[in-house]
Amino acid sequence: ANPEATASIQTYLEAHGATITRSTPRGEYIRARANVSSWEAMLPETQFYHYDFVDTKGQAAPSRRNIIRTESYLIPAGLSKHVSFIFFATQLPPRKPESMMPKKIT
């Protein structure tokens, strides 16, 4: 556990408009919510996109979901020694190539 690192990350997130929704007892995982423009401001050179995901598995009719992800991100230098990975920033559900197409967020 590194309480100083956890506090530093939480302070950074909250200062940029994010809301901490969950943190593990030792602070190794932090879950936060923010709007896309806040995430793009927090993560330099990062641009998020909408992906339309069509799920046909095990359903009579396909369902569509809109997922917001980025192709890559940079962790700010002041946080990079504390942050190894940002979950759900780049991960997409399993898909067929034609089922998910990126669209610029406006």
N, C-alpha and C. Protein backbone atom coordinates (compact mmCIF):
# COMPACT_ATOMS: atom_id res chain seq x y z
N ALA A 1 0.84 -1.19 0.00
CA ALA A 1 0.00 0.00 0.00
C ALA A 1 0.88 1.24 0.00
N ASN A 2 0.41 2.23 -0.70
CA ASN A 2 1.12 3.51 -0.77
C ASN A 2 0.09 4.63 -0.61
N PRO A 3 -0.24 4.98 0.64
CA PRO A 3 -1.29 5.98 0.88
C PRO A 3 -1.00 7.33 0.21
N GLU A 4 0.26 7.71 0.13
CA GLU A 4 0.63 8.99 -0.51
C GLU A 4 0.29 8.95 -2.01
N ALA A 5 0.60 7.85 -2.67
CA ALA A 5 0.29 7.72 -4.10
C ALA A 5 -1.22 7.71 -4.32
N THR A 6 -1.94 6.96 -3.48
CA THR A 6 -3.40 6.90 -3.61
C THR A 6 -4.00 8.29 -3.44
N ALA A 7 -3.56 9.02 -2.43
CA ALA A 7 -4.07 10.37 -2.20
C ALA A 7 -3.73 11.29 -3.36
N SER A 8 -2.54 11.16 -3.91
CA SER A 8 -2.12 11.99 -5.04
C SER A 8 -3.03 11.75 -6.26
N ILE A 9 -3.31 10.51 -6.54
CA ILE A 9 -4.16 10.17 -7.70
C ILE A 9 -5.59 10.64 -7.46
N GLN A 10 -6.11 10.40 -6.27
CA GLN A 10 -7.47 10.83 -5.98
C GLN A 10 -7.60 12.36 -6.05
N THR A 11 -6.62 13.08 -5.55
CA THR A 11 -6.63 14.54 -5.61
C THR A 11 -6.61 15.01 -7.06
N TYR A 12 -5.77 14.39 -7.87
CA TYR A 12 -5.67 14.74 -9.30
C TYR A 12 -7.01 14.52 -10.00
N LEU A 13 -7.60 13.36 -9.78
CA LEU A 13 -8.88 13.04 -10.42
C LEU A 13 -9.97 14.04 -10.01
N GLU A 14 -10.09 14.27 -8.72
CA GLU A 14 -11.13 15.18 -8.22
C GLU A 14 -10.90 16.61 -8.68
N ALA A 15 -9.65 17.04 -8.77
CA ALA A 15 -9.33 18.39 -9.23
C ALA A 15 -9.73 18.60 -10.69
N HIS A 16 -9.83 17.50 -11.45
CA HIS A 16 -10.20 17.58 -12.86
C HIS A 16 -11.66 17.18 -13.11
N GLY A 17 -12.46 17.17 -12.05
CA GLY A 17 -13.89 16.93 -12.21
C GLY A 17 -14.34 15.50 -12.12
N ALA A 18 -13.45 14.57 -11.80
CA ALA A 18 -13.84 13.17 -11.66
C ALA A 18 -14.41 12.92 -10.27
N THR A 19 -15.28 11.93 -10.19
CA THR A 19 -15.84 11.50 -8.92
C THR A 19 -15.31 10.11 -8.62
N ILE A 20 -14.72 9.94 -7.46
CA ILE A 20 -14.22 8.62 -7.04
C ILE A 20 -15.44 7.79 -6.65
N THR A 21 -15.65 6.67 -7.32
CA THR A 21 -16.81 5.83 -7.01
C THR A 21 -16.45 4.60 -6.19
N ARG A 22 -15.18 4.24 -6.22
CA ARG A 22 -14.76 3.06 -5.46
C ARG A 22 -13.24 3.05 -5.38
N SER A 23 -12.74 2.56 -4.27
CA SER A 23 -11.31 2.38 -4.10
C SER A 23 -11.11 1.14 -3.23
N THR A 24 -10.14 0.32 -3.58
CA THR A 24 -9.88 -0.87 -2.77
C THR A 24 -9.29 -0.42 -1.43
N PRO A 25 -9.39 -1.26 -0.42
CA PRO A 25 -8.93 -0.87 0.92
C PRO A 25 -7.47 -0.39 0.97
N ARG A 26 -6.61 -0.97 0.14
CA ARG A 26 -5.20 -0.56 0.15
C ARG A 26 -4.89 0.47 -0.93
N GLY A 27 -5.89 0.84 -1.73
CA GLY A 27 -5.73 1.90 -2.71
C GLY A 27 -5.06 1.50 -4.01
N GLU A 28 -4.90 0.19 -4.24
CA GLU A 28 -4.22 -0.22 -5.47
C GLU A 28 -5.10 -0.09 -6.71
N TYR A 29 -6.43 -0.04 -6.52
CA TYR A 29 -7.38 0.18 -7.62
C TYR A 29 -8.32 1.31 -7.22
N ILE A 30 -8.48 2.26 -8.13
CA ILE A 30 -9.39 3.38 -7.91
C ILE A 30 -10.33 3.44 -9.10
N ARG A 31 -11.61 3.51 -8.83
CA ARG A 31 -12.61 3.65 -9.90
C ARG A 31 -13.16 5.08 -9.82
N ALA A 32 -13.22 5.73 -10.98
CA ALA A 32 -13.71 7.11 -11.02
C ALA A 32 -14.59 7.31 -12.24
N ARG A 33 -15.49 8.27 -12.15
CA ARG A 33 -16.37 8.66 -13.26
C ARG A 33 -16.11 10.12 -13.60
N ALA A 34 -16.15 10.40 -14.89
CA ALA A 34 -16.03 11.79 -15.36
C ALA A 34 -16.57 11.85 -16.78
N ASN A 35 -16.85 13.05 -17.25
CA ASN A 35 -17.29 13.16 -18.64
C ASN A 35 -16.07 13.05 -19.56
N VAL A 36 -16.33 12.84 -20.82
CA VAL A 36 -15.25 12.60 -21.78
C VAL A 36 -14.28 13.77 -21.85
N SER A 37 -14.79 14.98 -21.84
CA SER A 37 -13.88 16.14 -21.94
C SER A 37 -12.94 16.21 -20.73
N SER A 38 -13.41 15.79 -19.57
CA SER A 38 -12.53 15.76 -18.39
C SER A 38 -11.43 14.72 -18.54
N TRP A 39 -11.80 13.52 -19.03
CA TRP A 39 -10.78 12.47 -19.24
C TRP A 39 -9.76 12.92 -20.28
N GLU A 40 -10.22 13.56 -21.35
CA GLU A 40 -9.29 14.03 -22.37
C GLU A 40 -8.37 15.12 -21.82
N ALA A 41 -8.87 15.95 -20.91
CA ALA A 41 -8.02 16.97 -20.28
C ALA A 41 -7.01 16.34 -19.31
N MET A 42 -7.42 15.28 -18.63
CA MET A 42 -6.53 14.62 -17.67
C MET A 42 -5.45 13.78 -18.33
N LEU A 43 -5.74 13.25 -19.50
CA LEU A 43 -4.82 12.34 -20.17
C LEU A 43 -4.32 12.99 -21.46
N PRO A 44 -3.11 13.55 -21.43
CA PRO A 44 -2.62 14.29 -22.60
C PRO A 44 -2.61 13.45 -23.87
N GLU A 45 -2.90 14.10 -24.98
CA GLU A 45 -2.88 13.46 -26.30
C GLU A 45 -3.83 12.27 -26.41
N THR A 46 -4.90 12.30 -25.64
CA THR A 46 -5.87 11.22 -25.64
C THR A 46 -7.17 11.72 -26.24
N GLN A 47 -7.72 10.93 -27.15
CA GLN A 47 -9.00 11.28 -27.77
C GLN A 47 -9.90 10.06 -27.69
N PHE A 48 -11.09 10.25 -27.15
CA PHE A 48 -12.05 9.16 -27.01
C PHE A 48 -13.01 9.14 -28.18
N TYR A 49 -13.53 7.95 -28.49
CA TYR A 49 -14.46 7.75 -29.59
C TYR A 49 -15.65 6.93 -29.13
N HIS A 50 -16.78 7.11 -29.82
CA HIS A 50 -17.93 6.25 -29.62
C HIS A 50 -17.76 5.03 -30.52
N TYR A 51 -18.06 3.86 -29.98
CA TYR A 51 -18.09 2.64 -30.76
C TYR A 51 -19.48 2.04 -30.64
N ASP A 52 -20.10 1.74 -31.75
CA ASP A 52 -21.38 1.05 -31.74
C ASP A 52 -21.10 -0.44 -31.71
N PHE A 53 -21.54 -1.09 -30.67
CA PHE A 53 -21.30 -2.51 -30.49
C PHE A 53 -22.60 -3.26 -30.72
N VAL A 54 -22.59 -4.18 -31.65
CA VAL A 54 -23.77 -4.99 -31.95
C VAL A 54 -23.54 -6.37 -31.35
N ASP A 55 -24.39 -6.74 -30.41
CA ASP A 55 -24.28 -8.03 -29.75
C ASP A 55 -25.34 -8.96 -30.28
N THR A 56 -24.92 -10.02 -30.96
CA THR A 56 -25.86 -10.99 -31.52
C THR A 56 -25.79 -12.33 -30.79
N LYS A 57 -24.89 -12.45 -29.86
CA LYS A 57 -24.68 -13.73 -29.19
C LYS A 57 -25.84 -14.09 -28.25
N GLY A 58 -26.46 -15.23 -28.52
CA GLY A 58 -27.49 -15.76 -27.64
C GLY A 58 -28.77 -14.95 -27.58
N GLN A 59 -29.03 -14.14 -28.60
CA GLN A 59 -30.24 -13.31 -28.58
C GLN A 59 -31.02 -13.51 -29.87
N ALA A 60 -32.33 -13.41 -29.77
CA ALA A 60 -33.17 -13.54 -30.96
C ALA A 60 -32.95 -12.34 -31.89
N ALA A 61 -32.84 -11.16 -31.31
CA ALA A 61 -32.61 -9.95 -32.09
C ALA A 61 -31.32 -9.29 -31.58
N PRO A 62 -30.50 -8.77 -32.47
CA PRO A 62 -29.27 -8.13 -32.02
C PRO A 62 -29.55 -6.91 -31.15
N SER A 63 -28.69 -6.69 -30.17
CA SER A 63 -28.79 -5.48 -29.35
C SER A 63 -27.59 -4.59 -29.67
N ARG A 64 -27.82 -3.29 -29.59
CA ARG A 64 -26.76 -2.32 -29.87
C ARG A 64 -26.41 -1.60 -28.58
N ARG A 65 -25.12 -1.40 -28.38
CA ARG A 65 -24.64 -0.61 -27.25
C ARG A 65 -23.65 0.40 -27.79
N ASN A 66 -23.60 1.54 -27.15
CA ASN A 66 -22.61 2.55 -27.47
C ASN A 66 -21.54 2.50 -26.39
N ILE A 67 -20.29 2.34 -26.79
CA ILE A 67 -19.18 2.23 -25.86
C ILE A 67 -18.20 3.35 -26.17
N ILE A 68 -17.67 3.99 -25.15
CA ILE A 68 -16.68 5.05 -25.33
C ILE A 68 -15.32 4.50 -24.92
N ARG A 69 -14.37 4.56 -25.85
CA ARG A 69 -13.01 4.08 -25.59
C ARG A 69 -12.03 4.95 -26.36
N THR A 70 -10.74 4.77 -26.05
CA THR A 70 -9.68 5.43 -26.78
C THR A 70 -8.75 4.36 -27.34
N GLU A 71 -8.02 4.70 -28.38
CA GLU A 71 -7.07 3.75 -28.94
C GLU A 71 -5.78 3.71 -28.13
N SER A 72 -5.45 4.83 -27.48
CA SER A 72 -4.25 4.89 -26.64
C SER A 72 -4.39 6.08 -25.69
N TYR A 73 -3.56 6.11 -24.68
CA TYR A 73 -3.57 7.22 -23.74
C TYR A 73 -2.17 7.41 -23.17
N LEU A 74 -1.93 8.62 -22.65
CA LEU A 74 -0.69 8.92 -21.96
C LEU A 74 -1.03 9.27 -20.52
N ILE A 75 -0.29 8.70 -19.60
CA ILE A 75 -0.48 9.03 -18.19
C ILE A 75 0.43 10.23 -17.90
N PRO A 76 -0.09 11.29 -17.27
CA PRO A 76 0.73 12.46 -16.98
C PRO A 76 1.99 12.09 -16.19
N ALA A 77 3.07 12.77 -16.48
CA ALA A 77 4.38 12.46 -15.87
C ALA A 77 4.31 12.40 -14.35
N GLY A 78 3.58 13.30 -13.73
CA GLY A 78 3.50 13.32 -12.27
C GLY A 78 2.78 12.12 -11.67
N LEU A 79 2.02 11.42 -12.48
CA LEU A 79 1.27 10.25 -11.99
C LEU A 79 1.84 8.93 -12.49
N SER A 80 2.68 8.98 -13.50
CA SER A 80 3.12 7.74 -14.16
C SER A 80 3.88 6.80 -13.22
N LYS A 81 4.49 7.33 -12.18
CA LYS A 81 5.19 6.44 -11.24
C LYS A 81 4.21 5.70 -10.33
N HIS A 82 2.95 6.16 -10.28
CA HIS A 82 1.93 5.54 -9.43
C HIS A 82 0.90 4.74 -10.21
N VAL A 83 0.73 5.02 -11.51
CA VAL A 83 -0.33 4.41 -12.31
C VAL A 83 0.29 3.48 -13.34
N SER A 84 -0.14 2.23 -13.33
CA SER A 84 0.36 1.25 -14.30
C SER A 84 -0.56 1.11 -15.50
N PHE A 85 -1.86 1.29 -15.27
CA PHE A 85 -2.84 0.95 -16.30
C PHE A 85 -4.15 1.65 -15.99
N ILE A 86 -4.89 2.03 -17.02
CA ILE A 86 -6.22 2.59 -16.85
C ILE A 86 -7.20 1.61 -17.49
N PHE A 87 -7.91 0.89 -16.63
CA PHE A 87 -8.86 -0.12 -17.10
C PHE A 87 -10.02 0.52 -17.85
N PHE A 88 -10.52 -0.16 -18.84
CA PHE A 88 -11.67 0.23 -19.65
C PHE A 88 -11.43 1.48 -20.50
N ALA A 89 -10.21 1.90 -20.64
CA ALA A 89 -9.92 3.03 -21.53
C ALA A 89 -9.76 2.54 -22.97
N THR A 90 -9.09 1.41 -23.13
CA THR A 90 -8.82 0.90 -24.48
C THR A 90 -9.48 -0.45 -24.78
N GLN A 91 -9.96 -1.15 -23.78
CA GLN A 91 -10.49 -2.49 -23.98
C GLN A 91 -11.87 -2.45 -24.63
N LEU A 92 -12.01 -3.21 -25.67
CA LEU A 92 -13.29 -3.36 -26.36
C LEU A 92 -13.79 -4.78 -26.17
N PRO A 93 -15.11 -4.97 -26.18
CA PRO A 93 -15.63 -6.33 -26.11
C PRO A 93 -15.21 -7.13 -27.34
N PRO A 94 -15.19 -8.46 -27.26
CA PRO A 94 -14.91 -9.25 -28.45
C PRO A 94 -15.90 -8.88 -29.55
N ARG A 95 -15.42 -8.82 -30.77
CA ARG A 95 -16.29 -8.34 -31.84
C ARG A 95 -15.88 -8.90 -33.19
N LYS A 96 -16.80 -8.80 -34.10
CA LYS A 96 -16.50 -9.01 -35.51
C LYS A 96 -16.08 -7.66 -36.06
N PRO A 97 -15.15 -7.59 -36.98
CA PRO A 97 -14.67 -6.30 -37.47
C PRO A 97 -15.76 -5.33 -37.92
N GLU A 98 -16.84 -5.83 -38.55
CA GLU A 98 -17.86 -4.92 -39.05
C GLU A 98 -18.83 -4.46 -37.96
N SER A 99 -18.76 -5.05 -36.77
CA SER A 99 -19.76 -4.73 -35.75
C SER A 99 -19.43 -3.48 -34.94
N MET A 100 -18.23 -2.97 -35.05
CA MET A 100 -17.86 -1.83 -34.23
C MET A 100 -17.04 -0.84 -35.06
N MET A 101 -17.56 0.35 -35.21
CA MET A 101 -16.88 1.36 -35.99
C MET A 101 -16.73 2.63 -35.14
N PRO A 102 -15.53 3.23 -35.08
CA PRO A 102 -15.34 4.43 -34.25
C PRO A 102 -16.03 5.64 -34.88
N LYS A 103 -16.50 6.53 -34.00
CA LYS A 103 -17.10 7.79 -34.42
C LYS A 103 -16.56 8.89 -33.52
N LYS A 104 -16.12 9.97 -34.09
CA LYS A 104 -15.57 11.09 -33.34
C LYS A 104 -16.62 11.65 -32.38
N ILE A 105 -16.21 11.90 -31.14
CA ILE A 105 -17.09 12.52 -30.16
C ILE A 105 -17.09 14.02 -30.41
N THR A 106 -18.27 14.60 -30.48
CA THR A 106 -18.36 16.04 -30.71
C THR A 106 -18.98 16.73 -29.52
